[in-house]
Amino acid sequence: MQFQKILVPVAAVALVVAAYHFYAWSGVAAALGALVMWLLLHVTRLLQVLKRTALRPIGHVGSAVMLNAKLEAGMTLLHVTAMTRSLGEQTGRADQKSEHYRWSDGTQSQVNCEFYQGKLKQWQLLRPAPTGPAAPPCDVSSAS
């Protein structure tokens, strides 16, 4: 169970009650002003992330390898979207408990991410198999 869903509203109510207890109605006004400011900061961050992703193709990232290196378990989908500056391409069904998204780059490398309850649970980097002739091995022992 996520305690944030319960703890944040309880803390907000406790703040308003404490403000009323110590400062009467002027304290309630100040506490509500602070809560509205906090909420507006979160909405502004969300809108900025979505504004940056609006002009980018869905599921595209500059480098899938660098994205793979930056990911950490527990990151939110909003944080990953802010890092990639692109909405992920949804690969899983909508009725599942976990959400699956994919980001790929120009070399067809892909990062598949699984989010459970909005947090990054696991991810996997998939790179395409090399095609074409391999470079001949370099023998440096015979150089004189």
Protein backbone atom coordinates (compact mmCIF):
# COMPACT_ATOMS: atom_id res chain seq x y z
CA MET A 1 0.00 0.00 0.00
CA GLN A 2 1.27 3.44 -0.82
CA PHE A 3 1.40 5.58 2.29
CA GLN A 4 1.65 8.79 0.27
CA LYS A 5 -1.98 8.45 -0.76
CA ILE A 6 -2.97 8.53 2.91
CA LEU A 7 -0.13 10.46 4.53
CA VAL A 8 -0.24 13.61 2.35
CA PRO A 9 -3.96 14.38 2.89
CA VAL A 10 -3.68 13.58 6.61
CA ALA A 11 -0.64 15.88 6.90
CA ALA A 12 -2.52 18.64 5.04
CA VAL A 13 -5.51 18.38 7.39
CA ALA A 14 -3.19 18.28 10.42
CA LEU A 15 -1.45 21.43 9.16
CA VAL A 16 -4.74 23.28 8.82
CA VAL A 17 -5.94 22.12 12.25
CA ALA A 18 -2.65 23.12 13.89
CA ALA A 19 -2.74 26.49 12.13
CA TYR A 20 -6.26 27.09 13.44
CA HIS A 21 -5.27 26.00 16.95
CA PHE A 22 -2.26 28.35 17.13
CA TYR A 23 -3.25 31.30 14.90
CA ALA A 24 -7.06 31.07 14.49
CA TRP A 25 -8.48 31.93 11.04
CA SER A 26 -5.43 33.84 9.87
CA GLY A 27 -3.37 30.67 10.41
CA VAL A 28 -5.88 28.66 8.39
CA ALA A 29 -5.60 31.17 5.55
CA ALA A 30 -1.79 30.97 5.63
CA ALA A 31 -1.83 27.14 5.76
CA LEU A 32 -4.28 26.90 2.87
CA GLY A 33 -2.19 29.40 0.91
CA ALA A 34 0.89 27.24 1.46
CA LEU A 35 -0.97 24.09 0.40
CA VAL A 36 -2.26 25.77 -2.77
CA MET A 37 1.26 26.99 -3.59
CA TRP A 38 2.62 23.45 -3.12
CA LEU A 39 -0.10 22.06 -5.38
CA LEU A 40 0.58 24.71 -8.03
CA LEU A 41 4.29 23.86 -8.03
CA HIS A 42 3.47 20.23 -8.80
CA VAL A 43 0.98 21.17 -11.54
CA THR A 44 3.54 23.55 -13.08
CA ARG A 45 6.16 20.79 -13.15
CA LEU A 46 3.72 18.40 -14.78
CA LEU A 47 2.76 20.94 -17.44
CA GLN A 48 6.40 21.78 -18.19
CA VAL A 49 7.23 18.10 -18.73
CA LEU A 50 4.23 17.63 -21.01
CA LYS A 51 5.09 20.82 -22.91
CA ARG A 52 8.61 19.51 -23.61
CA THR A 53 7.27 16.16 -24.81
CA ALA A 54 4.60 17.66 -27.08
CA LEU A 55 6.92 18.22 -30.03
CA ARG A 56 8.87 14.97 -29.81
CA PRO A 57 7.88 11.66 -31.41
CA ILE A 58 6.36 9.08 -29.07
CA GLY A 59 8.84 6.51 -27.83
CA HIS A 60 11.98 8.24 -29.17
CA VAL A 61 15.06 9.03 -27.10
CA GLY A 62 18.48 10.36 -28.10
CA SER A 63 20.41 7.37 -26.75
CA ALA A 64 18.81 4.24 -25.32
CA VAL A 65 22.14 3.21 -23.77
CA MET A 66 22.40 6.47 -21.82
CA LEU A 67 18.78 6.17 -20.71
CA ASN A 68 19.49 2.65 -19.48
CA ALA A 69 22.45 3.95 -17.47
CA LYS A 70 20.38 6.73 -15.83
CA LEU A 71 17.38 4.63 -14.81
CA GLU A 72 16.93 3.63 -11.18
CA ALA A 73 14.29 1.48 -9.55
CA GLY A 74 11.52 3.52 -7.95
CA MET A 75 11.59 6.42 -10.41
CA THR A 76 8.17 7.75 -11.32
CA LEU A 77 6.82 7.72 -14.86
CA LEU A 78 6.84 11.52 -14.80
CA HIS A 79 10.55 11.55 -13.91
CA VAL A 80 11.43 9.11 -16.71
CA THR A 81 9.32 11.13 -19.15
CA ALA A 82 11.16 14.29 -18.07
CA MET A 83 14.54 12.57 -18.64
CA THR A 84 13.64 11.27 -22.10
CA ARG A 85 11.64 14.38 -23.11
CA SER A 86 9.32 11.98 -24.88
CA LEU A 87 6.25 10.01 -23.98
CA GLY A 88 6.93 6.30 -23.95
CA GLU A 89 5.34 3.98 -26.48
CA GLN A 90 2.91 1.84 -24.51
CA THR A 91 3.53 -1.84 -25.21
CA GLY A 92 1.36 -3.62 -22.65
CA ARG A 93 -2.38 -4.06 -22.40
CA ALA A 94 -4.34 -1.43 -20.52
CA ASP A 95 -6.05 -3.87 -18.14
CA GLN A 96 -2.85 -5.08 -16.47
CA LYS A 97 -1.70 -3.84 -13.07
CA SER A 98 1.72 -2.91 -14.41
CA GLU A 99 2.34 -0.55 -17.31
CA HIS A 100 4.91 -1.27 -20.00
CA TYR A 101 6.58 1.46 -22.06
CA ARG A 102 9.33 1.43 -24.69
CA TRP A 103 11.81 4.10 -25.78
CA SER A 104 14.08 3.56 -28.78
CA ASP A 105 16.80 5.55 -30.51
CA GLY A 106 18.08 5.91 -34.08
CA THR A 107 20.16 2.72 -33.90
CA GLN A 108 17.04 0.67 -33.02
CA SER A 109 18.30 0.06 -29.47
CA GLN A 110 15.35 -0.10 -27.10
CA VAL A 111 14.72 0.30 -23.40
CA ASN A 112 11.63 -1.54 -22.19
CA CYS A 113 10.37 -0.30 -18.82
CA GLU A 114 7.81 -1.79 -16.47
CA PHE A 115 6.03 0.54 -14.06
CA TYR A 116 4.03 -0.82 -11.14
CA GLN A 117 1.77 1.69 -9.35
CA GLY A 118 3.52 4.54 -11.17
CA LYS A 119 7.05 3.56 -10.08
CA LEU A 120 9.76 1.97 -12.21
CA LYS A 121 10.01 -1.68 -11.25
CA GLN A 122 12.35 -3.10 -13.88
CA TRP A 123 13.82 -2.24 -17.25
CA GLN A 124 15.77 -3.94 -20.01
CA LEU A 125 18.06 -2.68 -22.75
CA LEU A 126 17.66 -4.45 -26.10
CA ARG A 127 20.25 -3.82 -28.79
CA PRO A 128 19.95 -5.02 -32.39
CA ALA A 129 22.20 -7.80 -33.60
CA PRO A 130 25.17 -6.49 -35.57
CA THR A 131 24.74 -6.89 -39.32
CA GLY A 132 27.29 -6.95 -42.09
CA PRO A 133 30.84 -8.25 -42.12
CA ALA A 134 32.78 -8.05 -38.91
CA ALA A 135 36.03 -6.10 -38.85
CA PRO A 136 39.11 -8.32 -39.27
CA PRO A 137 41.03 -8.90 -36.06
CA CYS A 138 44.04 -6.67 -35.58
CA ASP A 139 47.28 -8.53 -34.87
CA VAL A 140 49.59 -6.12 -33.06
CA SER A 141 52.20 -8.73 -32.10
CA SER A 142 53.71 -8.87 -35.62
CA ALA A 143 54.24 -5.13 -35.93
CA SER A 144 57.90 -4.13 -36.03
